[in-house]
Amino acid sequence: MEEFQHKFSRRASAHHNRRLSQAVDQKGIFAPTLKTLFMGVSAVKNPDGSFTVALAAHDQTYLVDFWEEHVPAPDADDPQRDVIADCVIRHVLKYEQDNFAKLIGSGLPTVLADELSPTLCSRLWLEVDIIPIVIEPNVHHHHNGHGHTIGGWDDKRVDEQADSMARKCIMNFGPSMVPLLQVGWRGAVQVDSGFQARLNTAEDHKNTVSAATWKSLMHYTKDLKDKKLRIGFFSSTPQGGGVALMRHALVRLSKILDVDLNWYVPKPRPGVFRSTKNMHNILQGVADPDQRLSKEEMTTITEWIQDNAKRYWFSEGGPLRPPRRAAPTLSW
């Protein structure tokens, strides 16, 4: 049996809940406005094989609630069962329903995602629509400059760890409640907040296709790895249209399968944006029939591409250097 050490205590007023329930009855489940929150999760393994799990709920400013529970070790007849994920998912669903809340993202330490609960990230995303952000905690002690030593991650209580994960998770989200887009050195697109957002596993992908399709994918994956091929994609923007959406998904899958694939975009230049937008509209057939790119616009676009290539992609260590100098063999 699970043993509560601290239950969620936040409760909306009866009047508020009644008003939202009436909105659901009269206008449907999408009528009430849910309170958006973020969550932090942490867990420690006890000497007897059980776990102490903590959740912290944040509203982007304050800690609004927390929960801590003792979770028994998996039964002997099912030792691979992820008891932490089962427990967290169950309580998150109940908390959202009881409080008319929507948890947007959840911060997790790497030890929890990699070792203690390897299915938690994908289940948060697939079952409760929460974006899991895996964060490497600072495990080392350090000095604050005034002669005092500040403890590391392991010196914190599990509830403090969960609170820390919630606060760090919030830093990855923008005003629109989605993870901030990140572009790194040489214009490399850092998909999923620099691969901190772990949405799914290889097994999740495998379950969406036929056995023949998955076998084909594994064949080409092995071929790429055996030949040590590096793949690079190049496009003008890291977000917006269908190409960017497909590229995000492809980079994400390649990361899961350990394929060396990267995606690059040029450094943005405000003066070029209008010209590239005009080109895009003309090629799609949505521009005015008489609209054409001027020579000046074409020159501006060409110079912008050449400048990025010389500065970032053809320079030493760049992705467009000749293959003998350790660049991707395949580029698009």
Protein backbone atom coordinates (compact mmCIF):
# COMPACT_ATOMS: atom_id res chain seq x y z
CA MET A 1 0.00 0.00 0.00
CA GLU A 2 1.15 3.53 -0.78
CA GLU A 3 1.72 5.64 2.30
CA PHE A 4 1.08 9.37 2.14
CA GLN A 5 3.59 11.61 3.86
CA HIS A 6 1.98 14.80 2.55
CA LYS A 7 -1.12 15.09 0.38
CA PHE A 8 -2.03 17.85 -2.04
CA SER A 9 -3.86 20.45 0.05
CA ARG A 10 -4.90 23.12 -2.43
CA ARG A 11 -8.62 23.18 -3.14
CA ALA A 12 -10.64 25.62 -5.20
CA SER A 13 -13.69 27.13 -3.51
CA ALA A 14 -16.97 25.24 -3.72
CA HIS A 15 -18.53 28.19 -5.55
CA HIS A 16 -15.74 28.23 -8.15
CA ASN A 17 -15.98 24.48 -8.74
CA ARG A 18 -19.76 24.64 -9.00
CA ARG A 19 -19.58 27.45 -11.57
CA LEU A 20 -17.05 25.55 -13.70
CA SER A 21 -19.08 22.33 -13.43
CA GLN A 22 -22.16 24.17 -14.64
CA ALA A 23 -20.19 25.52 -17.60
CA VAL A 24 -19.21 21.95 -18.51
CA ASP A 25 -22.83 20.77 -18.26
CA GLN A 26 -24.19 23.65 -20.34
CA LYS A 27 -21.46 24.21 -22.94
CA GLY A 28 -19.28 21.11 -22.95
CA ILE A 29 -15.91 20.09 -21.56
CA PHE A 30 -14.00 22.86 -23.36
CA ALA A 31 -16.05 25.67 -21.78
CA PRO A 32 -14.28 26.21 -18.43
CA THR A 33 -10.97 28.07 -18.29
CA LEU A 34 -8.40 25.88 -16.60
CA LYS A 35 -5.65 27.23 -14.37
CA THR A 36 -2.26 26.57 -15.98
CA LEU A 37 0.45 25.18 -13.71
CA PHE A 38 3.88 23.61 -13.95
CA MET A 39 5.15 20.63 -12.02
CA GLY A 40 8.39 19.29 -10.61
CA VAL A 41 8.93 15.60 -9.81
CA SER A 42 11.69 13.87 -7.91
CA ALA A 43 12.20 10.53 -6.22
CA VAL A 44 14.76 8.72 -4.12
CA LYS A 45 15.21 4.98 -3.68
CA ASN A 46 15.15 3.73 -0.09
CA PRO A 47 17.33 0.90 1.30
CA ASP A 48 14.37 -1.54 1.25
CA GLY A 49 13.79 -0.99 -2.48
CA SER A 50 10.81 1.32 -2.04
CA PHE A 51 10.70 4.92 -3.24
CA THR A 52 9.88 8.31 -1.79
CA VAL A 53 8.26 10.42 -4.51
CA ALA A 54 7.47 14.14 -4.40
CA LEU A 55 5.55 16.47 -6.72
CA ALA A 56 5.55 20.27 -6.57
CA ALA A 57 3.03 22.47 -8.41
CA HIS A 58 4.01 26.02 -9.48
CA ASP A 59 2.02 28.85 -11.05
CA GLN A 60 5.17 30.48 -12.59
CA THR A 61 5.55 32.68 -9.49
CA TYR A 62 4.87 30.67 -6.37
CA LEU A 63 4.79 27.11 -5.12
CA VAL A 64 1.05 26.48 -4.84
CA ASP A 65 0.95 22.86 -3.67
CA PHE A 66 3.07 19.78 -3.08
CA TRP A 67 2.66 16.08 -2.47
CA GLU A 68 4.96 13.43 -1.07
CA GLU A 69 4.36 9.69 -0.85
CA HIS A 70 6.08 6.44 0.02
CA VAL A 71 5.74 4.01 -2.92
CA PRO A 72 6.46 0.30 -2.35
CA ALA A 73 8.86 -1.60 -4.59
CA PRO A 74 7.37 -3.54 -7.54
CA ASP A 75 5.86 -6.94 -6.76
CA ALA A 76 8.08 -9.96 -7.25
CA ASP A 77 5.81 -11.29 -10.01
CA ASP A 78 6.18 -8.03 -11.99
CA PRO A 79 9.62 -6.58 -11.18
CA GLN A 80 9.76 -4.43 -14.33
CA ARG A 81 6.63 -2.48 -13.48
CA ASP A 82 7.25 1.27 -13.27
CA VAL A 83 5.55 1.95 -9.94
CA ILE A 84 6.72 5.57 -9.85
CA ALA A 85 5.12 6.36 -13.22
CA ASP A 86 1.88 4.61 -12.20
CA CYS A 87 1.70 6.64 -8.99
CA VAL A 88 2.57 10.01 -10.56
CA ILE A 89 0.14 9.65 -13.48
CA ARG A 90 -2.72 8.67 -11.18
CA HIS A 91 -2.27 11.60 -8.82
CA VAL A 92 -1.69 14.13 -11.60
CA LEU A 93 -4.97 13.17 -13.28
CA LYS A 94 -6.86 13.44 -10.01
CA TYR A 95 -5.26 16.77 -9.14
CA GLU A 96 -6.18 18.29 -12.52
CA GLN A 97 -9.77 17.07 -12.24
CA ASP A 98 -10.25 18.19 -8.63
CA ASN A 99 -8.79 21.66 -9.20
CA PHE A 100 -9.84 22.40 -12.80
CA ALA A 101 -6.14 22.81 -13.60
CA LYS A 102 -3.92 21.96 -16.57
CA LEU A 103 -0.31 21.03 -15.92
CA ILE A 104 1.74 22.26 -18.91
CA GLY A 105 5.22 20.94 -18.24
CA SER A 106 7.08 18.87 -15.69
CA GLY A 107 10.72 19.03 -14.67
CA LEU A 108 12.49 15.75 -13.82
CA PRO A 109 16.09 15.07 -12.75
CA THR A 110 18.12 12.83 -15.06
CA VAL A 111 18.42 10.04 -12.48
CA LEU A 112 14.63 9.77 -12.30
CA ALA A 113 14.14 9.73 -16.08
CA ASP A 114 17.07 7.43 -16.86
CA GLU A 115 17.10 4.99 -13.96
CA LEU A 116 14.28 5.12 -11.42
CA SER A 117 11.34 5.62 -13.81
CA PRO A 118 12.30 5.14 -17.47
CA THR A 119 8.69 5.25 -18.74
CA LEU A 120 7.58 8.36 -16.85
CA CYS A 121 8.53 10.91 -19.52
CA SER A 122 6.67 9.27 -22.39
CA ARG A 123 3.66 8.49 -20.21
CA LEU A 124 3.40 12.11 -19.04
CA TRP A 125 3.30 13.20 -22.69
CA LEU A 126 1.11 10.44 -24.13
CA GLU A 127 -1.34 9.96 -21.26
CA VAL A 128 -1.75 13.37 -19.60
CA ASP A 129 -0.45 15.81 -22.26
CA ILE A 130 2.38 17.17 -20.10
CA ILE A 131 5.74 18.09 -21.64
CA PRO A 132 8.52 16.39 -19.62
CA ILE A 133 11.72 18.44 -19.31
CA VAL A 134 14.69 16.36 -18.13
CA ILE A 135 17.22 18.47 -16.24
CA GLU A 136 20.73 17.61 -15.09
CA PRO A 137 20.92 18.81 -11.45
CA ASN A 138 24.02 20.34 -9.93
CA VAL A 139 25.32 17.46 -7.80
CA HIS A 140 28.48 19.18 -6.59
CA HIS A 141 29.05 21.38 -3.57
CA HIS A 142 30.23 24.90 -4.28
CA HIS A 143 31.29 28.00 -2.39
CA ASN A 144 29.24 31.17 -2.40
CA GLY A 145 32.23 33.51 -2.22
CA HIS A 146 31.71 34.36 1.46
CA GLY A 147 33.42 31.36 2.96
CA HIS A 148 30.28 29.19 3.08
CA THR A 149 29.80 25.87 1.30
CA ILE A 150 26.45 25.30 -0.40
CA GLY A 151 25.25 21.70 -0.57
CA GLY A 152 24.67 19.83 -3.80
CA TRP A 153 21.64 17.98 -5.15
CA ASP A 154 21.89 14.97 -2.86
CA ASP A 155 21.85 17.20 0.22
CA LYS A 156 18.34 18.42 -0.62
CA ARG A 157 15.21 16.75 0.67
CA VAL A 158 13.06 15.12 -2.01
CA ASP A 159 10.40 17.85 -1.72
CA GLU A 160 13.10 20.51 -2.22
CA GLN A 161 14.31 18.63 -5.28
CA ALA A 162 10.81 18.58 -6.77
CA ASP A 163 10.43 22.31 -6.15
CA SER A 164 13.77 22.98 -7.84
CA MET A 165 12.73 20.92 -10.88
CA ALA A 166 9.47 22.88 -11.19
CA ARG A 167 11.25 26.24 -11.15
CA LYS A 168 13.85 25.14 -13.70
CA CYS A 169 11.14 23.63 -15.91
CA ILE A 170 9.33 26.99 -16.09
CA MET A 171 12.47 28.62 -17.52
CA ASN A 172 12.13 26.48 -20.67
CA PHE A 173 8.69 27.84 -21.58
CA GLY A 174 7.65 31.08 -23.27
CA PRO A 175 4.49 33.22 -22.97
CA SER A 176 2.60 30.91 -25.35
CA MET A 177 3.13 27.97 -22.96
CA VAL A 178 5.31 25.99 -25.36
CA PRO A 179 9.05 25.26 -25.00
CA LEU A 180 11.28 28.07 -26.24
CA LEU A 181 12.91 27.40 -29.60
CA GLN A 182 16.68 27.16 -29.29
CA VAL A 183 19.29 27.55 -32.04
CA GLY A 184 22.87 26.78 -31.12
CA TRP A 185 26.36 27.28 -32.57
CA ARG A 186 26.60 27.30 -36.39
CA GLY A 187 22.82 27.62 -36.54
CA ALA A 188 22.17 24.05 -35.33
CA VAL A 189 18.51 23.77 -34.33
CA GLN A 190 18.23 22.42 -30.78
CA VAL A 191 14.99 20.46 -31.12
CA ASP A 192 12.86 19.93 -27.98
CA SER A 193 14.64 22.55 -25.87
CA GLY A 194 18.06 21.14 -26.63
CA PHE A 195 16.71 17.57 -26.36
CA GLN A 196 15.65 18.17 -22.76
CA ALA A 197 12.00 17.51 -23.63
CA ARG A 198 11.74 13.73 -23.91
CA LEU A 199 8.37 13.09 -25.49
CA ASN A 200 8.62 9.46 -26.50
CA THR A 201 10.76 6.35 -26.78
CA ALA A 202 11.71 4.02 -29.61
CA GLU A 203 9.07 1.60 -28.35
CA ASP A 204 6.39 4.29 -28.63
CA HIS A 205 7.32 4.85 -32.28
CA LYS A 206 7.41 1.12 -32.94
CA ASN A 207 3.83 0.73 -31.72
CA THR A 208 2.54 3.22 -34.33
CA VAL A 209 3.65 1.29 -37.43
CA SER A 210 3.54 -2.21 -38.85
CA ALA A 211 6.26 -4.76 -38.13
CA ALA A 212 7.47 -4.53 -41.75
CA THR A 213 7.81 -0.74 -41.58
CA TRP A 214 9.75 -0.88 -38.34
CA LYS A 215 12.02 -3.61 -39.71
CA SER A 216 12.80 -1.42 -42.73
CA LEU A 217 13.57 1.54 -40.49
CA MET A 218 15.93 -0.55 -38.37
CA HIS A 219 17.66 -1.82 -41.54
CA TYR A 220 18.44 1.69 -42.79
CA THR A 221 19.32 2.88 -39.30
CA LYS A 222 21.90 0.13 -38.95
CA ASP A 223 23.23 0.91 -42.44
CA LEU A 224 23.76 4.57 -41.56
CA LYS A 225 25.53 3.67 -38.32
CA ASP A 226 27.73 1.01 -39.88
CA LYS A 227 28.87 3.44 -42.59
CA LYS A 228 29.29 6.20 -39.97
CA LEU A 229 27.38 8.62 -42.16
CA ARG A 230 26.61 12.10 -40.90
CA ILE A 231 23.53 13.83 -42.25
CA GLY A 232 22.89 17.56 -42.38
CA PHE A 233 19.71 19.42 -43.36
CA PHE A 234 19.60 23.13 -44.22
CA SER A 235 16.54 25.37 -44.36
CA SER A 236 15.81 29.07 -43.93
CA THR A 237 13.80 28.99 -40.68
CA PRO A 238 13.52 26.62 -37.70
CA GLN A 239 9.75 26.94 -37.29
CA GLY A 240 6.56 27.95 -39.04
CA GLY A 241 5.59 25.69 -41.93
CA GLY A 242 5.23 22.03 -42.81
CA VAL A 243 8.93 21.57 -43.62
CA ALA A 244 9.94 22.74 -40.14
CA LEU A 245 7.35 20.50 -38.47
CA MET A 246 8.62 17.45 -40.34
CA ARG A 247 12.23 18.36 -39.62
CA HIS A 248 11.59 18.66 -35.87
CA ALA A 249 10.04 15.17 -35.89
CA LEU A 250 12.87 13.69 -37.97
CA VAL A 251 15.61 15.13 -35.74
CA ARG A 252 13.72 13.89 -32.67
CA LEU A 253 13.46 10.34 -34.06
CA SER A 254 17.09 10.35 -35.18
CA LYS A 255 18.18 11.32 -31.68
CA ILE A 256 16.22 8.41 -30.22
CA LEU A 257 17.75 5.98 -32.75
CA ASP A 258 21.25 7.42 -32.25
CA VAL A 259 21.62 8.47 -35.91
CA ASP A 260 24.05 11.35 -36.50
CA LEU A 261 21.63 13.85 -38.05
CA ASN A 262 21.65 17.63 -37.59
CA TRP A 263 19.58 20.51 -38.89
CA TYR A 264 20.97 23.97 -39.60
CA VAL A 265 19.41 27.36 -40.27
CA PRO A 266 21.13 30.65 -41.18
CA LYS A 267 21.43 33.45 -38.67
CA PRO A 268 18.38 35.69 -39.11
CA ARG A 269 18.80 39.07 -40.77
CA PRO A 270 15.82 41.43 -40.49
CA GLY A 271 16.41 43.01 -43.89
CA VAL A 272 16.17 39.64 -45.62
CA PHE A 273 12.92 38.41 -44.09
CA ARG A 274 10.57 40.34 -46.38
CA SER A 275 12.42 39.13 -49.48
CA THR A 276 12.34 35.47 -48.41
CA LYS A 277 8.65 35.82 -47.57
CA ASN A 278 7.95 37.24 -51.03
CA MET A 279 9.86 34.33 -52.61
CA HIS A 280 7.87 31.85 -50.52
CA ASN A 281 4.53 33.39 -51.54
CA ILE A 282 5.46 33.46 -55.22
CA LEU A 283 6.54 29.81 -55.24
CA GLN A 284 3.33 28.79 -53.46
CA GLY A 285 1.18 30.73 -55.90
CA VAL A 286 -0.44 32.93 -53.25
CA ALA A 287 1.23 36.21 -54.25
CA ASP A 288 -0.17 38.77 -56.65
CA PRO A 289 0.08 37.35 -60.21
CA ASP A 290 2.25 40.26 -61.27
CA GLN A 291 4.62 40.12 -58.31
CA ARG A 292 8.24 39.21 -59.07
CA LEU A 293 11.45 39.20 -57.09
CA SER A 294 13.61 42.17 -57.99
CA LYS A 295 17.29 41.78 -58.77
CA GLU A 296 18.06 43.61 -55.55
CA GLU A 297 16.01 41.12 -53.51
CA MET A 298 17.66 38.14 -55.19
CA THR A 299 21.09 39.63 -54.56
CA THR A 300 20.23 40.24 -50.90
CA ILE A 301 19.10 36.62 -50.41
CA THR A 302 22.15 35.20 -52.20
CA GLU A 303 24.57 37.31 -50.17
CA TRP A 304 22.82 36.30 -46.95
CA ILE A 305 23.18 32.59 -47.78
CA GLN A 306 26.81 32.94 -48.86
CA ASP A 307 27.70 34.93 -45.76
CA ASN A 308 26.25 32.27 -43.44
CA ALA A 309 27.94 29.48 -45.38
CA LYS A 310 31.37 31.11 -45.18
CA ARG A 311 31.09 32.15 -41.54
CA TYR A 312 29.53 29.02 -40.06
CA TRP A 313 29.26 26.06 -42.44
CA PHE A 314 32.47 26.09 -44.52
CA SER A 315 34.70 27.17 -41.63
CA GLU A 316 36.84 24.70 -39.71
CA GLY A 317 34.63 22.02 -38.18
CA GLY A 318 31.59 23.24 -40.12
CA PRO A 319 28.95 20.89 -41.53
CA LEU A 320 29.76 21.72 -45.18
CA ARG A 321 33.47 21.04 -45.00
CA PRO A 322 34.64 18.22 -47.33
CA PRO A 323 34.00 14.70 -45.93
CA ARG A 324 37.70 14.06 -45.39
CA ARG A 325 37.59 16.85 -42.82
CA ALA A 326 34.84 15.23 -40.72
CA ALA A 327 31.72 16.85 -42.17
CA PRO A 328 28.35 15.24 -42.96
CA THR A 329 28.55 13.01 -45.99
CA LEU A 330 24.94 13.75 -46.90
CA SER A 331 23.56 17.30 -46.97
CA TRP A 332 20.21 18.73 -48.04
